[in-house]
């Protein structure tokens, strides 16, 4: 709500344009006397005092004008009336503002010896210097009040209907009201924020506990697969168990990262890949002369992207460890990951092994590991390029980060 709203005094002294001026004089005198204003009388007229003039005016007014819609002569204003500005009245017809008459204007009229009984207020009123809409900025309003020396500034709506006035005192009161409301609003928002932070912290703790338990369950599955593989003599079956174990371990590593992360919405990908590749080297028990080189840009990725990229890395590194370095005890595997355009990423996995056998249609290969890779790339809505020769193999995957 605009600050000026709190500065508007809705109660104003209003009169119809055909109201005789003498009625305003009598009404104003009663207001001034009963509100305790310092200006308790108008200036003396000629050699007579205001009191004698007022008596004469009052007698004429009682004879000429029934004060039906205003305070009666001598009647004490209600308590709320004491809050009204006593230095101006507004001339209104059908709620629309026509003009204004100030106490200073009236003093000048009396001093000019105008016949108060025969003149209507419409004949002597003047148009307000400035009117403002109710949604006007209060700082600009204060500047206008100071610039023009105004003590009463009418506030109107789009139809020129008088809504109230602002005065220097009401602006001060309005600012105090706005400050009080703002302070209370800040207190409420602070309390709400603390409540939300507490609820969020509780949820984060719960989610971390869930990730921790999922990780433990996956590690149990991985351990069961490893134990089962020890009782199998068929090499092909052992490979299947080990591949399954590594896939489970790759997912367990993700949940372990989430349980330790300060941000549950994303994972630092470089740390995750380091842990994943370390586990793979340990799982296969490869010679130290076969090394994995990581060049991973320091990025935080959402958990969905990490799952897909992690499993792709797992499958392609496992494939390289098993097939790229046949009859060799040395070799290098390279994993590169970077962002090359806004929200576009490149994952490059290569080795300096023997390459795929000539004539093998790799992209049509029906092995489970490569089928998983093709499926994961498709789920990322990415593309995969492949190149293999006797100097090694390269898989290049490009995709757009999904929110």
Foldseek 3Di string as FASTA:
>chain_A
DALLLQLFDQDFAEDAQQAFQLVVVQQLLLLLCQLVDPCNFACQEDPHRRVVVSVVSLVVCVVPDDPPPGADRPHHDPPVSSPYDSFKHFHDDPQATDFIDGVVQVSVCVNVVDDRRPHTNNVRTHHDPDEEESNDHLVVVVVVCVVVVDAWHFYAHPVRGTRGIGGPVSSVVSVVVVVVVVVVVVVVVVVVVVVVVVVVVVVLLVLLVVLLVLLVVLLVVLVVLVVVLVPDDDPVVNVVSLLVSLLSNLSSLLSNQCSPDPDNQWGQLVVSVVVSVVVVCVSVVAAPQEEEAEAEPGDIAGSLVSSLVSLLVSLVVVCCRVPFAPPHRHWYWYWYKDADDVQKIKIKIKIQGQWDDPPDPQCPDPDPSSVSNVVSLVVQVWDWDWDTHRRIIMIMIMHGGDD
